[in-house]
């Protein structure tokens, strides 16, 4: 086992860990122009490292490509908007975020 293989795998898995919060955040929006090329590069790099005999790096980059694919599928601006932007707010309530004054709708 080569130290470079371990290093590339560790870096790839670190990027998976760093991307996980974006996958959990229902309000996150990542453009397809960002996520799709990163997904494709993860796959191409995984194949490249696999052909070089660096199987650990290939697995790490495949995981990175899969994470970008999940982000493309679930967090792109074209994916359905979340039902509620505030998970703790009861349905049908309006909250003031402190940024803007509440306005009343006139009849």
PDB file of N, CA and C in Angstrom:
ATOM      1  N   UNK A   1       0.853  -1.184   0.000  1.00  0.00           N
ATOM      2  CA  UNK A   1       0.000   0.000   0.000  1.00  0.00           C
ATOM      3  C   UNK A   1       0.898   1.247   0.000  1.00  0.00           C
ATOM      4  N   UNK A   2       0.575   2.160  -0.850  1.00  0.00           N
ATOM      5  CA  UNK A   2       1.370   3.358  -1.044  1.00  0.00           C
ATOM      6  C   UNK A   2       0.792   4.495  -0.196  1.00  0.00           C
ATOM      7  N   UNK A   3       1.652   5.326   0.345  1.00  0.00           N
ATOM      8  CA  UNK A   3       1.163   6.411   1.190  1.00  0.00           C
ATOM      9  C   UNK A   3       0.313   7.398   0.410  1.00  0.00           C
ATOM     10  N   UNK A   4       0.592   7.542  -0.885  1.00  0.00           N
ATOM     11  CA  UNK A   4      -0.204   8.455  -1.703  1.00  0.00           C
ATOM     12  C   UNK A   4      -1.658   7.976  -1.818  1.00  0.00           C
ATOM     13  N   UNK A   5      -1.847   6.664  -1.891  1.00  0.00           N
ATOM     14  CA  UNK A   5      -3.180   6.084  -1.950  1.00  0.00           C
ATOM     15  C   UNK A   5      -3.974   6.458  -0.699  1.00  0.00           C
ATOM     16  N   UNK A   6      -3.350   6.320   0.454  1.00  0.00           N
ATOM     17  CA  UNK A   6      -4.007   6.691   1.706  1.00  0.00           C
ATOM     18  C   UNK A   6      -4.287   8.183   1.784  1.00  0.00           C
ATOM     19  N   UNK A   7      -3.355   8.972   1.311  1.00  0.00           N
ATOM     20  CA  UNK A   7      -3.526  10.418   1.359  1.00  0.00           C
ATOM     21  C   UNK A   7      -4.688  10.877   0.470  1.00  0.00           C
ATOM     22  N   UNK A   8      -4.766  10.361  -0.745  1.00  0.00           N
ATOM     23  CA  UNK A   8      -5.877  10.724  -1.630  1.00  0.00           C
ATOM     24  C   UNK A   8      -7.213  10.247  -1.070  1.00  0.00           C
ATOM     25  N   UNK A   9      -7.230   9.058  -0.468  1.00  0.00           N
ATOM     26  CA  UNK A   9      -8.460   8.558   0.121  1.00  0.00           C
ATOM     27  C   UNK A   9      -8.893   9.448   1.290  1.00  0.00           C
ATOM     28  N   UNK A  10      -7.951   9.816   2.143  1.00  0.00           N
ATOM     29  CA  UNK A  10      -8.274  10.677   3.289  1.00  0.00           C
ATOM     30  C   UNK A  10      -8.810  12.027   2.820  1.00  0.00           C
ATOM     31  N   UNK A  11      -8.196  12.608   1.817  1.00  0.00           N
ATOM     32  CA  UNK A  11      -8.671  13.896   1.290  1.00  0.00           C
ATOM     33  C   UNK A  11     -10.060  13.789   0.690  1.00  0.00           C
ATOM     34  N   UNK A  12     -10.316  12.712  -0.024  1.00  0.00           N
ATOM     35  CA  UNK A  12     -11.634  12.522  -0.623  1.00  0.00           C
ATOM     36  C   UNK A  12     -12.701  12.321   0.442  1.00  0.00           C
ATOM     37  N   UNK A  13     -12.399  11.512   1.437  1.00  0.00           N
ATOM     38  CA  UNK A  13     -13.378  11.279   2.500  1.00  0.00           C
ATOM     39  C   UNK A  13     -13.601  12.530   3.340  1.00  0.00           C
ATOM     40  N   UNK A  14     -12.583  13.356   3.467  1.00  0.00           N
ATOM     41  CA  UNK A  14     -12.759  14.635   4.158  1.00  0.00           C
ATOM     42  C   UNK A  14     -13.737  15.516   3.392  1.00  0.00           C
ATOM     43  N   UNK A  15     -13.660  15.501   2.073  1.00  0.00           N
ATOM     44  CA  UNK A  15     -14.608  16.304   1.293  1.00  0.00           C
ATOM     45  C   UNK A  15     -16.025  15.763   1.441  1.00  0.00           C
ATOM     46  N   UNK A  16     -16.189  14.447   1.598  1.00  0.00           N
ATOM     47  CA  UNK A  16     -17.515  13.884   1.847  1.00  0.00           C
ATOM     48  C   UNK A  16     -18.056  14.393   3.178  1.00  0.00           C
ATOM     49  N   UNK A  17     -17.215  14.415   4.194  1.00  0.00           N
ATOM     50  CA  UNK A  17     -17.625  14.901   5.514  1.00  0.00           C
ATOM     51  C   UNK A  17     -17.995  16.382   5.454  1.00  0.00           C
ATOM     52  N   UNK A  18     -17.228  17.158   4.713  1.00  0.00           N
ATOM     53  CA  UNK A  18     -17.483  18.594   4.598  1.00  0.00           C
ATOM     54  C   UNK A  18     -18.777  18.865   3.822  1.00  0.00           C
ATOM     55  N   UNK A  19     -19.118  18.011   2.876  1.00  0.00           N
ATOM     56  CA  UNK A  19     -20.332  18.202   2.084  1.00  0.00           C
ATOM     57  C   UNK A  19     -21.591  17.699   2.793  1.00  0.00           C
ATOM     58  N   UNK A  20     -21.452  16.874   3.797  1.00  0.00           N
ATOM     59  CA  UNK A  20     -22.613  16.293   4.479  1.00  0.00           C
ATOM     60  C   UNK A  20     -23.581  17.343   5.038  1.00  0.00           C
ATOM     61  N   UNK A  21     -23.118  18.433   5.647  1.00  0.00           N
ATOM     62  CA  UNK A  21     -24.081  19.431   6.138  1.00  0.00           C
ATOM     63  C   UNK A  21     -24.950  20.023   5.031  1.00  0.00           C
ATOM     64  N   UNK A  22     -24.414  20.193   3.841  1.00  0.00           N
ATOM     65  CA  UNK A  22     -25.216  20.726   2.734  1.00  0.00           C
ATOM     66  C   UNK A  22     -26.302  19.733   2.335  1.00  0.00           C
ATOM     67  N   UNK A  23     -26.024  18.451   2.469  1.00  0.00           N
ATOM     68  CA  UNK A  23     -27.020  17.444   2.136  1.00  0.00           C
ATOM     69  C   UNK A  23     -28.130  17.406   3.184  1.00  0.00           C
ATOM     70  N   UNK A  24     -27.778  17.679   4.442  1.00  0.00           N
ATOM     71  CA  UNK A  24     -28.781  17.670   5.512  1.00  0.00           C
ATOM     72  C   UNK A  24     -29.585  18.959   5.577  1.00  0.00           C
ATOM     73  N   UNK A  25     -29.068  20.055   5.067  1.00  0.00           N
ATOM     74  CA  UNK A  25     -29.740  21.354   5.150  1.00  0.00           C
ATOM     75  C   UNK A  25     -30.808  21.456   4.063  1.00  0.00           C
ATOM     76  N   UNK A  26     -32.080  21.459   4.490  1.00  0.00           N
ATOM     77  CA  UNK A  26     -33.171  21.495   3.511  1.00  0.00           C
ATOM     78  C   UNK A  26     -33.232  22.819   2.759  1.00  0.00           C
ATOM     79  N   UNK A  27     -32.611  23.855   3.263  1.00  0.00           N
ATOM     80  CA  UNK A  27     -32.622  25.162   2.610  1.00  0.00           C
ATOM     81  C   UNK A  27     -31.432  25.375   1.680  1.00  0.00           C
ATOM     82  N   UNK A  28     -30.485  24.447   1.666  1.00  0.00           N
ATOM     83  CA  UNK A  28     -29.292  24.599   0.822  1.00  0.00           C
ATOM     84  C   UNK A  28     -29.665  24.465  -0.642  1.00  0.00           C
ATOM     85  N   UNK A  29     -29.126  25.317  -1.455  1.00  0.00           N
ATOM     86  CA  UNK A  29     -29.330  25.274  -2.903  1.00  0.00           C
ATOM     87  C   UNK A  29     -27.963  25.362  -3.568  1.00  0.00           C
ATOM     88  N   UNK A  30     -27.589  24.298  -4.267  1.00  0.00           N
ATOM     89  CA  UNK A  30     -26.303  24.244  -4.954  1.00  0.00           C
ATOM     90  C   UNK A  30     -26.586  24.106  -6.446  1.00  0.00           C
ATOM     91  N   UNK A  31     -26.111  25.026  -7.253  1.00  0.00           N
ATOM     92  CA  UNK A  31     -26.413  24.993  -8.688  1.00  0.00           C
ATOM     93  C   UNK A  31     -25.923  23.706  -9.353  1.00  0.00           C
ATOM     94  N   UNK A  32     -26.673  23.257 -10.338  1.00  0.00           N
ATOM     95  CA  UNK A  32     -26.266  22.073 -11.095  1.00  0.00           C
ATOM     96  C   UNK A  32     -24.943  22.311 -11.827  1.00  0.00           C
ATOM     97  N   UNK A  33     -24.678  23.564 -12.181  1.00  0.00           N
ATOM     98  CA  UNK A  33     -23.421  23.882 -12.858  1.00  0.00           C
ATOM     99  C   UNK A  33     -22.215  23.640 -11.951  1.00  0.00           C
ATOM    100  N   UNK A  34     -22.446  23.540 -10.661  1.00  0.00           N
ATOM    101  CA  UNK A  34     -21.381  23.214  -9.715  1.00  0.00           C
ATOM    102  C   UNK A  34     -21.357  21.724  -9.432  1.00  0.00           C
ATOM    103  N   UNK A  35     -22.511  21.155  -9.101  1.00  0.00           N
ATOM    104  CA  UNK A  35     -22.539  19.778  -8.610  1.00  0.00           C
ATOM    105  C   UNK A  35     -22.333  18.724  -9.699  1.00  0.00           C
ATOM    106  N   UNK A  36     -22.875  18.938 -10.881  1.00  0.00           N
ATOM    107  CA  UNK A  36     -22.750  17.921 -11.932  1.00  0.00           C
ATOM    108  C   UNK A  36     -21.298  17.762 -12.410  1.00  0.00           C
ATOM    109  N   UNK A  37     -20.569  18.850 -12.694  1.00  0.00           N
ATOM    110  CA  UNK A  37     -19.161  18.659 -13.078  1.00  0.00           C
ATOM    111  C   UNK A  37     -18.325  18.021 -11.963  1.00  0.00           C
ATOM    112  N   UNK A  38     -18.596  18.397 -10.709  1.00  0.00           N
ATOM    113  CA  UNK A  38     -17.844  17.792  -9.603  1.00  0.00           C
ATOM    114  C   UNK A  38     -18.153  16.303  -9.491  1.00  0.00           C
ATOM    115  N   UNK A  39     -19.411  15.929  -9.724  1.00  0.00           N
ATOM    116  CA  UNK A  39     -19.794  14.516  -9.710  1.00  0.00           C
ATOM    117  C   UNK A  39     -19.057  13.761 -10.825  1.00  0.00           C
ATOM    118  N   UNK A  40     -19.047  14.342 -12.019  1.00  0.00           N
ATOM    119  CA  UNK A  40     -18.376  13.704 -13.154  1.00  0.00           C
ATOM    120  C   UNK A  40     -16.872  13.566 -12.904  1.00  0.00           C
ATOM    121  N   UNK A  41     -16.264  14.615 -12.362  1.00  0.00           N
ATOM    122  CA  UNK A  41     -14.831  14.549 -12.067  1.00  0.00           C
ATOM    123  C   UNK A  41     -14.526  13.477 -11.024  1.00  0.00           C
ATOM    124  N   UNK A  42     -15.398  13.350 -10.032  1.00  0.00           N
ATOM    125  CA  UNK A  42     -15.197  12.295  -9.033  1.00  0.00           C
ATOM    126  C   UNK A  42     -15.194  10.922  -9.681  1.00  0.00           C
ATOM    127  N   UNK A  43     -16.102  10.703 -10.615  1.00  0.00           N
ATOM    128  CA  UNK A  43     -16.143   9.422 -11.317  1.00  0.00           C
ATOM    129  C   UNK A  43     -14.929   9.195 -12.207  1.00  0.00           C
ATOM    130  N   UNK A  44     -14.540  10.230 -12.938  1.00  0.00           N
ATOM    131  CA  UNK A  44     -13.374  10.108 -13.828  1.00  0.00           C
ATOM    132  C   UNK A  44     -12.106   9.869 -13.014  1.00  0.00           C
ATOM    133  N   UNK A  45     -11.944  10.609 -11.926  1.00  0.00           N
ATOM    134  CA  UNK A  45     -10.765  10.412 -11.083  1.00  0.00           C
ATOM    135  C   UNK A  45     -10.778   9.044 -10.424  1.00  0.00           C
ATOM    136  N   UNK A  46     -11.960   8.552 -10.039  1.00  0.00           N
ATOM    137  CA  UNK A  46     -12.054   7.225  -9.430  1.00  0.00           C
ATOM    138  C   UNK A  46     -11.586   6.158 -10.412  1.00  0.00           C
ATOM    139  N   UNK A  47     -12.038   6.268 -11.658  1.00  0.00           N
ATOM    140  CA  UNK A  47     -11.608   5.303 -12.678  1.00  0.00           C
ATOM    141  C   UNK A  47     -10.106   5.421 -12.924  1.00  0.00           C
ATOM    142  N   UNK A  48      -9.615   6.647 -12.986  1.00  0.00           N
ATOM    143  CA  UNK A  48      -8.188   6.871 -13.224  1.00  0.00           C
ATOM    144  C   UNK A  48      -7.338   6.248 -12.128  1.00  0.00           C
ATOM    145  N   UNK A  49      -7.698   6.514 -10.871  1.00  0.00           N
ATOM    146  CA  UNK A  49      -6.921   5.952  -9.762  1.00  0.00           C
ATOM    147  C   UNK A  49      -7.050   4.437  -9.706  1.00  0.00           C
ATOM    148  N   UNK A  50      -8.218   3.895 -10.049  1.00  0.00           N
ATOM    149  CA  UNK A  50      -8.383   2.441 -10.053  1.00  0.00           C
ATOM    150  C   UNK A  50      -7.468   1.788 -11.081  1.00  0.00           C
ATOM    151  N   UNK A  51      -7.325   2.413 -12.262  1.00  0.00           N
ATOM    152  CA  UNK A  51      -6.445   1.848 -13.292  1.00  0.00           C
ATOM    153  C   UNK A  51      -4.969   1.965 -12.922  1.00  0.00           C
ATOM    154  N   UNK A  52      -4.659   2.870 -11.980  1.00  0.00           N
ATOM    155  CA  UNK A  52      -3.281   3.019 -11.520  1.00  0.00           C
ATOM    156  C   UNK A  52      -2.977   2.102 -10.335  1.00  0.00           C
ATOM    157  N   UNK A  53      -3.974   1.314  -9.928  1.00  0.00           N
ATOM    158  CA  UNK A  53      -3.767   0.412  -8.798  1.00  0.00           C
ATOM    159  C   UNK A  53      -3.964   1.060  -7.444  1.00  0.00           C
ATOM    160  N   UNK A  54      -4.504   2.272  -7.417  1.00  0.00           N
ATOM    161  CA  UNK A  54      -4.737   2.986  -6.151  1.00  0.00           C
ATOM    162  C   UNK A  54      -6.213   2.839  -5.781  1.00  0.00           C
ATOM    163  N   UNK A  55      -6.559   1.653  -5.289  1.00  0.00           N
ATOM    164  CA  UNK A  55      -7.957   1.321  -5.045  1.00  0.00           C
ATOM    165  C   UNK A  55      -8.564   2.126  -3.898  1.00  0.00           C
ATOM    166  N   UNK A  56      -7.796   2.464  -2.883  1.00  0.00           N
ATOM    167  CA  UNK A  56      -8.343   3.259  -1.778  1.00  0.00           C
ATOM    168  C   UNK A  56      -8.700   4.667  -2.243  1.00  0.00           C
ATOM    169  N   UNK A  57      -7.821   5.261  -3.024  1.00  0.00           N
ATOM    170  CA  UNK A  57      -8.109   6.584  -3.580  1.00  0.00           C
ATOM    171  C   UNK A  57      -9.322   6.518  -4.491  1.00  0.00           C
ATOM    172  N   UNK A  58      -9.441   5.442  -5.262  1.00  0.00           N
ATOM    173  CA  UNK A  58     -10.586   5.288  -6.160  1.00  0.00           C
ATOM    174  C   UNK A  58     -11.884   5.207  -5.376  1.00  0.00           C
ATOM    175  N   UNK A  59     -11.894   4.480  -4.269  1.00  0.00           N
ATOM    176  CA  UNK A  59     -13.099   4.380  -3.434  1.00  0.00           C
ATOM    177  C   UNK A  59     -13.451   5.741  -2.838  1.00  0.00           C
ATOM    178  N   UNK A  60     -12.448   6.457  -2.357  1.00  0.00           N
ATOM    179  CA  UNK A  60     -12.690   7.787  -1.786  1.00  0.00           C
ATOM    180  C   UNK A  60     -13.252   8.756  -2.806  1.00  0.00           C
ATOM    181  N   UNK A  61     -12.720   8.737  -4.008  1.00  0.00           N
ATOM    182  CA  UNK A  61     -13.213   9.637  -5.049  1.00  0.00           C
ATOM    183  C   UNK A  61     -14.571   9.210  -5.576  1.00  0.00           C
ATOM    184  N   UNK A  62     -14.842   7.925  -5.570  1.00  0.00           N
ATOM    185  CA  UNK A  62     -16.173   7.464  -5.939  1.00  0.00           C
ATOM    186  C   UNK A  62     -17.202   7.953  -4.918  1.00  0.00           C
ATOM    187  N   UNK A  63     -16.838   7.899  -3.631  1.00  0.00           N
ATOM    188  CA  UNK A  63     -17.725   8.414  -2.580  1.00  0.00           C
ATOM    189  C   UNK A  63     -17.948   9.912  -2.748  1.00  0.00           C
ATOM    190  N   UNK A  64     -16.911  10.642  -3.101  1.00  0.00           N
ATOM    191  CA  UNK A  64     -17.051  12.080  -3.335  1.00  0.00           C
ATOM    192  C   UNK A  64     -17.978  12.345  -4.520  1.00  0.00           C
ATOM    193  N   UNK A  65     -17.801  11.594  -5.596  1.00  0.00           N
ATOM    194  CA  UNK A  65     -18.675  11.747  -6.757  1.00  0.00           C
ATOM    195  C   UNK A  65     -20.121  11.422  -6.419  1.00  0.00           C
ATOM    196  N   UNK A  66     -20.330  10.386  -5.619  1.00  0.00           N
ATOM    197  CA  UNK A  66     -21.692  10.043  -5.206  1.00  0.00           C
ATOM    198  C   UNK A  66     -22.309  11.140  -4.340  1.00  0.00           C
ATOM    199  N   UNK A  67     -21.519  11.730  -3.462  1.00  0.00           N
ATOM    200  CA  UNK A  67     -22.033  12.812  -2.619  1.00  0.00           C
ATOM    201  C   UNK A  67     -22.449  14.002  -3.485  1.00  0.00           C
ATOM    202  N   UNK A  68     -21.630  14.348  -4.464  1.00  0.00           N
ATOM    203  CA  UNK A  68     -22.009  15.441  -5.368  1.00  0.00           C
ATOM    204  C   UNK A  68     -23.250  15.075  -6.172  1.00  0.00           C
ATOM    205  N   UNK A  69     -23.403  13.807  -6.527  1.00  0.00           N
ATOM    206  CA  UNK A  69     -24.599  13.371  -7.225  1.00  0.00           C
ATOM    207  C   UNK A  69     -25.850  13.513  -6.365  1.00  0.00           C
ATOM    208  N   UNK A  70     -25.731  13.159  -5.093  1.00  0.00           N
ATOM    209  CA  UNK A  70     -26.856  13.345  -4.172  1.00  0.00           C
ATOM    210  C   UNK A  70     -27.204  14.823  -4.028  1.00  0.00           C
ATOM    211  N   UNK A  71     -26.180  15.659  -3.952  1.00  0.00           N
ATOM    212  CA  UNK A  71     -26.423  17.099  -3.871  1.00  0.00           C
ATOM    213  C   UNK A  71     -27.087  17.618  -5.142  1.00  0.00           C
ATOM    214  N   UNK A  72     -26.671  17.110  -6.281  1.00  0.00           N
ATOM    215  CA  UNK A  72     -27.282  17.537  -7.544  1.00  0.00           C
ATOM    216  C   UNK A  72     -28.755  17.140  -7.585  1.00  0.00           C
ATOM    217  N   UNK A  73     -29.055  15.955  -7.082  1.00  0.00           N
ATOM    218  CA  UNK A  73     -30.430  15.464  -7.140  1.00  0.00           C
ATOM    219  C   UNK A  73     -31.344  16.143  -6.126  1.00  0.00           C
ATOM    220  N   UNK A  74     -30.808  16.482  -4.971  1.00  0.00           N
ATOM    221  CA  UNK A  74     -31.696  16.960  -3.906  1.00  0.00           C
ATOM    222  C   UNK A  74     -31.527  18.425  -3.522  1.00  0.00           C
ATOM    223  N   UNK A  75     -30.448  19.063  -3.883  1.00  0.00           N
ATOM    224  CA  UNK A  75     -30.221  20.435  -3.428  1.00  0.00           C
ATOM    225  C   UNK A  75     -29.996  21.431  -4.540  1.00  0.00           C
ATOM    226  N   UNK A  76     -30.341  21.074  -5.775  1.00  0.00           N
ATOM    227  CA  UNK A  76     -30.211  22.050  -6.851  1.00  0.00           C
ATOM    228  C   UNK A  76     -31.416  22.981  -6.818  1.00  0.00           C
ATOM    229  N   UNK A  77     -31.285  24.185  -7.344  1.00  0.00           N
ATOM    230  CA  UNK A  77     -32.427  25.109  -7.351  1.00  0.00           C
ATOM    231  C   UNK A  77     -33.635  24.555  -8.109  1.00  0.00           C
ATOM    232  N   UNK A  78     -33.437  23.614  -9.001  1.00  0.00           N
ATOM    233  CA  UNK A  78     -34.567  23.052  -9.745  1.00  0.00           C
ATOM    234  C   UNK A  78     -35.285  21.948  -8.982  1.00  0.00           C
ATOM    235  N   UNK A  79     -34.681  21.442  -7.883  1.00  0.00           N
ATOM    236  CA  UNK A  79     -35.359  20.416  -7.097  1.00  0.00           C
ATOM    237  C   UNK A  79     -36.486  21.056  -6.296  1.00  0.00           C
ATOM    238  N   UNK A  80     -37.482  20.279  -5.880  1.00  0.00           N
ATOM    239  CA  UNK A  80     -38.628  20.863  -5.167  1.00  0.00           C
ATOM    240  C   UNK A  80     -38.195  21.622  -3.913  1.00  0.00           C
ATOM    241  N   UNK A  81     -38.853  22.754  -3.677  1.00  0.00           N
ATOM    242  CA  UNK A  81     -38.538  23.564  -2.498  1.00  0.00           C
ATOM    243  C   UNK A  81     -38.996  22.833  -1.250  1.00  0.00           C
ATOM    244  N   UNK A  82     -38.324  23.061  -0.129  1.00  0.00           N
ATOM    245  CA  UNK A  82     -38.743  22.414   1.115  1.00  0.00           C
ATOM    246  C   UNK A  82     -40.125  22.898   1.531  1.00  0.00           C
ATOM    247  N   UNK A  83     -40.844  22.042   2.247  1.00  0.00           N
ATOM    248  CA  UNK A  83     -42.201  22.379   2.681  1.00  0.00           C
ATOM    249  C   UNK A  83     -42.199  23.559   3.644  1.00  0.00           C
ATOM    250  N   UNK A  84     -41.248  23.568   4.554  1.00  0.00           N
ATOM    251  CA  UNK A  84     -41.144  24.654   5.533  1.00  0.00           C
ATOM    252  C   UNK A  84     -39.688  25.045   5.651  1.00  0.00           C
ATOM    253  N   UNK A  85     -39.443  26.335   5.788  1.00  0.00           N
ATOM    254  CA  UNK A  85     -38.069  26.768   5.941  1.00  0.00           C
ATOM    255  C   UNK A  85     -37.636  26.757   7.395  1.00  0.00           C
ATOM    256  N   UNK A  86     -38.592  26.719   8.319  1.00  0.00           N
ATOM    257  CA  UNK A  86     -38.287  26.660   9.744  1.00  0.00           C
ATOM    258  C   UNK A  86     -38.874  25.369  10.296  1.00  0.00           C
ATOM    259  N   UNK A  87     -38.026  24.367  10.573  1.00  0.00           N
ATOM    260  CA  UNK A  87     -38.556  23.077  10.978  1.00  0.00           C
ATOM    261  C   UNK A  87     -39.288  23.084  12.311  1.00  0.00           C
ATOM    262  N   UNK A  88     -39.045  24.040  13.189  1.00  0.00           N
ATOM    263  CA  UNK A  88     -39.690  24.063  14.495  1.00  0.00           C
ATOM    264  C   UNK A  88     -40.952  24.909  14.528  1.00  0.00           C
ATOM    265  N   UNK A  89     -41.235  25.617  13.444  1.00  0.00           N
ATOM    266  CA  UNK A  89     -42.409  26.480  13.426  1.00  0.00           C
ATOM    267  C   UNK A  89     -43.642  25.664  13.066  1.00  0.00           C
ATOM    268  N   UNK A  90     -44.725  25.809  13.823  1.00  0.00           N
ATOM    269  CA  UNK A  90     -45.949  25.089  13.467  1.00  0.00           C
ATOM    270  C   UNK A  90     -46.481  25.561  12.124  1.00  0.00           C
ATOM    271  N   UNK A  91     -47.142  24.671  11.436  1.00  0.00           N
ATOM    272  CA  UNK A  91     -47.707  24.998  10.128  1.00  0.00           C
ATOM    273  C   UNK A  91     -48.787  26.054  10.304  1.00  0.00           C
ATOM    274  N   UNK A  92     -48.787  27.041   9.442  1.00  0.00           N
ATOM    275  CA  UNK A  92     -49.809  28.079   9.482  1.00  0.00           C
ATOM    276  C   UNK A  92     -49.424  29.293  10.309  1.00  0.00           C
ATOM    277  N   UNK A  93     -48.252  29.295  10.911  1.00  0.00           N
ATOM    278  CA  UNK A  93     -47.840  30.462  11.688  1.00  0.00           C
ATOM    279  C   UNK A  93     -46.884  31.310  10.867  1.00  0.00           C
ATOM    280  N   UNK A  94     -46.823  32.568  11.213  1.00  0.00           N
ATOM    281  CA  UNK A  94     -45.900  33.491  10.563  1.00  0.00           C
ATOM    282  C   UNK A  94     -44.970  34.017  11.642  1.00  0.00           C
ATOM    283  N   UNK A  95     -43.687  33.928  11.362  1.00  0.00           N
ATOM    284  CA  UNK A  95     -42.717  34.409  12.329  1.00  0.00           C
ATOM    285  C   UNK A  95     -41.958  35.587  11.745  1.00  0.00           C
ATOM    286  N   UNK A  96     -41.581  36.511  12.604  1.00  0.00           N
ATOM    287  CA  UNK A  96     -40.765  37.637  12.188  1.00  0.00           C
ATOM    288  C   UNK A  96     -39.319  37.253  12.441  1.00  0.00           C
ATOM    289  N   UNK A  97     -38.511  37.322  11.416  1.00  0.00           N
ATOM    290  CA  UNK A  97     -37.106  36.941  11.570  1.00  0.00           C
ATOM    291  C   UNK A  97     -36.246  38.078  12.114  1.00  0.00           C
ATOM    292  N   UNK A  98     -36.860  39.201  12.433  1.00  0.00           N
ATOM    293  CA  UNK A  98     -36.112  40.333  12.971  1.00  0.00           C
ATOM    294  C   UNK A  98     -35.460  41.181  11.901  1.00  0.00           C
ATOM    295  N   UNK A  99     -35.489  40.731  10.678  1.00  0.00           N
ATOM    296  CA  UNK A  99     -34.860  41.448   9.588  1.00  0.00           C
ATOM    297  C   UNK A  99     -35.818  42.436   8.936  1.00  0.00           C
ATOM    298  N   UNK A 100     -37.066  42.038   8.809  1.00  0.00           N
ATOM    299  CA  UNK A 100     -38.055  42.852   8.127  1.00  0.00           C
ATOM    300  C   UNK A 100     -39.299  42.978   8.983  1.00  0.00           C
ATOM    301  N   UNK A 101     -39.964  44.098   8.926  1.00  0.00           N
ATOM    302  CA  UNK A 101     -41.224  44.202   9.670  1.00  0.00           C
ATOM    303  C   UNK A 101     -42.310  43.375   8.994  1.00  0.00           C
ATOM    304  N   UNK A 102     -43.228  42.850   9.801  1.00  0.00           N
ATOM    305  CA  UNK A 102     -44.352  42.113   9.247  1.00  0.00           C
ATOM    306  C   UNK A 102     -45.312  43.097   8.593  1.00  0.00           C
ATOM    307  N   UNK A 103     -45.889  42.705   7.463  1.00  0.00           N
ATOM    308  CA  UNK A 103     -46.863  43.549   6.781  1.00  0.00           C
ATOM    309  C   UNK A 103     -48.224  42.860   6.832  1.00  0.00           C
ATOM    310  N   UNK A 104     -49.250  43.639   6.981  1.00  0.00           N
ATOM    311  CA  UNK A 104     -50.609  43.103   6.938  1.00  0.00           C
ATOM    312  C   UNK A 104     -51.114  43.187   5.527  1.00  0.00           C
ATOM    313  N   UNK A 105     -51.843  42.180   5.144  1.00  0.00           N
ATOM    314  CA  UNK A 105     -52.510  42.203   3.848  1.00  0.00           C
ATOM    315  C   UNK A 105     -53.815  42.955   4.013  1.00  0.00           C
ATOM    316  N   UNK A 106     -54.040  43.930   3.158  1.00  0.00           N
ATOM    317  CA  UNK A 106     -55.262  44.726   3.213  1.00  0.00           C
ATOM    318  C   UNK A 106     -56.371  43.974   2.493  1.00  0.00           C
ATOM    319  N   UNK A 107     -57.593  44.048   3.021  1.00  0.00           N
ATOM    320  CA  UNK A 107     -58.752  43.401   2.389  1.00  0.00           C
ATOM    321  C   UNK A 107     -59.208  44.173   1.176  1.00  0.00           C
TER     322      UNK A 107
END
